[in-house]
């Protein structure tokens, strides 16, 4: 078993600082996918699918790290309980050089959407699909993907 140790140091122009704890968090893993993908302009890609049974493909993850290496035009879509009638999608836009981190694949689904809805009251499930889309009209963009299992 291997580990990935996270260390960070953020400093703002007005003096705010956020630093790693004195004993940094380590994520344990037995499988690792580490790739730099060039995403063609306007194209969506499946980065991870829990139903992929290829020998090196993890069916669950204990760590997900995504890093846009050039440009702010990569959107990430996370789907909890893909294939279920009550599956839920959420999306975020990556900022160049800022890592997007998840410590596991836990998620919620089967909840009411809208003003009366509460995602926290949904059924516990797992993220089963991670996709990325380069929303830039003309430029290819590079995304680093690390999946630990």
Protein backbone atom coordinates (compact mmCIF):
# COMPACT_ATOMS: atom_id res chain seq x y z
CA UNK A 1 0.00 0.00 0.00
CA UNK A 2 1.22 3.50 -0.84
CA UNK A 3 0.27 6.93 0.49
CA UNK A 4 -0.06 10.40 -0.98
CA UNK A 5 0.65 13.21 1.48
CA UNK A 6 -1.08 16.55 0.98
CA UNK A 7 0.78 19.72 1.93
CA UNK A 8 -0.42 23.20 1.13
CA UNK A 9 0.37 26.84 1.79
CA UNK A 10 -2.03 29.60 0.72
CA UNK A 11 -1.27 33.28 1.33
CA UNK A 12 -3.51 36.16 0.28
CA UNK A 13 -2.40 39.69 -0.58
CA UNK A 14 -4.12 40.95 2.59
CA UNK A 15 -2.15 38.59 4.84
CA UNK A 16 -4.54 35.65 5.29
CA UNK A 17 -2.66 32.35 5.50
CA UNK A 18 -3.83 28.75 5.32
CA UNK A 19 -1.21 26.08 5.92
CA UNK A 20 -1.04 22.31 6.19
CA UNK A 21 -1.39 20.92 9.71
CA UNK A 22 1.91 20.04 11.39
CA UNK A 23 1.12 16.38 10.65
CA UNK A 24 -0.19 16.42 7.05
CA UNK A 25 -3.02 14.16 5.96
CA UNK A 26 -1.97 11.08 4.01
CA UNK A 27 -4.32 9.21 1.65
CA UNK A 28 -3.66 5.48 1.41
CA UNK A 29 -4.11 3.69 -1.91
CA UNK A 30 -3.33 0.44 -3.69
CA UNK A 31 -4.19 1.60 -7.24
CA UNK A 32 -3.32 4.90 -8.85
CA UNK A 33 -4.25 6.50 -12.16
CA UNK A 34 -2.12 9.56 -12.97
CA UNK A 35 -2.57 11.12 -16.38
CA UNK A 36 -2.39 14.43 -18.24
CA UNK A 37 -5.22 14.62 -20.74
CA UNK A 38 -5.51 17.10 -23.59
CA UNK A 39 -9.19 18.00 -23.88
CA UNK A 40 -10.22 19.18 -27.35
CA UNK A 41 -12.19 22.43 -27.54
CA UNK A 42 -15.90 21.93 -26.87
CA UNK A 43 -15.55 18.22 -26.08
CA UNK A 44 -16.72 16.20 -23.05
CA UNK A 45 -14.77 13.23 -21.68
CA UNK A 46 -15.48 10.51 -19.14
CA UNK A 47 -12.63 10.65 -16.62
CA UNK A 48 -13.86 7.89 -14.31
CA UNK A 49 -16.73 5.39 -14.40
CA UNK A 50 -17.43 3.03 -11.47
CA UNK A 51 -18.71 0.39 -13.89
CA UNK A 52 -15.40 0.20 -15.83
CA UNK A 53 -14.04 -3.30 -15.27
CA UNK A 54 -10.68 -2.82 -17.02
CA UNK A 55 -7.83 -4.32 -14.92
CA UNK A 56 -6.32 -0.95 -13.91
CA UNK A 57 -9.60 0.91 -13.47
CA UNK A 58 -10.63 1.38 -9.83
CA UNK A 59 -14.35 0.83 -9.19
CA UNK A 60 -14.26 3.17 -6.18
CA UNK A 61 -11.91 5.97 -5.16
CA UNK A 62 -10.34 7.18 -1.93
CA UNK A 63 -8.89 10.29 -3.54
CA UNK A 64 -9.58 12.34 -6.65
CA UNK A 65 -7.35 15.23 -7.68
CA UNK A 66 -8.07 17.33 -10.78
CA UNK A 67 -5.85 20.20 -11.88
CA UNK A 68 -6.42 22.49 -14.88
CA UNK A 69 -2.93 23.17 -16.23
CA UNK A 70 -3.90 25.87 -18.72
CA UNK A 71 -7.09 27.92 -18.77
CA UNK A 72 -10.27 28.31 -16.70
CA UNK A 73 -12.63 26.62 -19.16
CA UNK A 74 -12.84 23.06 -17.83
CA UNK A 75 -16.07 22.03 -16.16
CA UNK A 76 -16.34 18.89 -14.03
CA UNK A 77 -19.57 16.90 -13.65
CA UNK A 78 -20.01 14.48 -10.74
CA UNK A 79 -22.90 11.98 -10.88
CA UNK A 80 -24.08 10.19 -7.75
CA UNK A 81 -25.77 6.83 -8.36
CA UNK A 82 -25.39 6.96 -12.16
CA UNK A 83 -28.05 4.80 -13.80
CA UNK A 84 -30.53 5.15 -10.90
CA UNK A 85 -33.86 6.88 -11.58
CA UNK A 86 -32.99 9.36 -8.80
CA UNK A 87 -29.36 9.99 -9.83
CA UNK A 88 -28.07 13.52 -9.23
CA UNK A 89 -25.44 15.53 -11.08
CA UNK A 90 -23.43 18.47 -9.83
CA UNK A 91 -20.82 20.52 -11.62
CA UNK A 92 -17.94 22.86 -10.84
CA UNK A 93 -15.61 24.92 -13.00
CA UNK A 94 -11.89 24.48 -12.43
CA UNK A 95 -9.54 27.44 -12.07
CA UNK A 96 -6.11 27.09 -13.63
CA UNK A 97 -3.54 25.94 -11.09
CA UNK A 98 -6.07 25.38 -8.26
CA UNK A 99 -6.50 21.70 -7.42
CA UNK A 100 -9.97 20.20 -6.99
CA UNK A 101 -9.78 17.49 -4.32
CA UNK A 102 -12.16 14.83 -3.05
CA UNK A 103 -11.20 12.51 -0.19
CA UNK A 104 -13.62 9.74 -1.21
CA UNK A 105 -16.52 8.94 -3.52
CA UNK A 106 -19.38 9.50 -1.04
CA UNK A 107 -22.40 11.41 -2.33
CA UNK A 108 -26.16 11.78 -1.89
CA UNK A 109 -29.06 11.21 -4.27
CA UNK A 110 -32.84 10.67 -4.20
CA UNK A 111 -33.78 14.10 -2.82
CA UNK A 112 -36.21 16.83 -3.79
CA UNK A 113 -34.71 19.49 -6.04
CA UNK A 114 -35.72 23.11 -5.58
CA UNK A 115 -36.44 25.54 -2.78
CA UNK A 116 -38.03 22.83 -0.59
CA UNK A 117 -35.25 20.35 -1.35
CA UNK A 118 -32.42 19.35 0.93
CA UNK A 119 -29.56 17.35 -0.59
CA UNK A 120 -28.30 16.51 2.89
CA UNK A 121 -31.53 14.59 3.52
CA UNK A 122 -31.01 12.42 0.45
CA UNK A 123 -30.02 8.78 0.40
CA UNK A 124 -26.35 8.01 1.02
CA UNK A 125 -24.69 6.75 -2.14
CA UNK A 126 -21.48 7.11 -4.10
CA UNK A 127 -20.21 9.10 -7.03
CA UNK A 128 -20.26 6.69 -9.94
CA UNK A 129 -19.30 8.93 -12.86
CA UNK A 130 -16.87 11.84 -13.29
CA UNK A 131 -16.81 13.74 -16.58
CA UNK A 132 -14.94 16.81 -17.82
CA UNK A 133 -15.80 19.25 -20.57
CA UNK A 134 -13.57 21.82 -22.20
CA UNK A 135 -15.99 24.70 -22.72
CA UNK A 136 -13.50 26.88 -24.62
CA UNK A 137 -14.63 27.45 -28.18
CA UNK A 138 -11.26 27.10 -29.92
CA UNK A 139 -8.42 26.04 -27.58
CA UNK A 140 -7.43 22.57 -26.42
CA UNK A 141 -6.76 22.48 -22.65
CA UNK A 142 -4.73 20.13 -20.45
CA UNK A 143 -6.14 18.46 -17.33
CA UNK A 144 -4.12 16.43 -14.83
CA UNK A 145 -6.15 13.59 -13.33
CA UNK A 146 -5.12 11.54 -10.29
CA UNK A 147 -7.44 8.83 -9.02
CA UNK A 148 -6.48 6.83 -5.92
CA UNK A 149 -8.15 3.62 -4.83
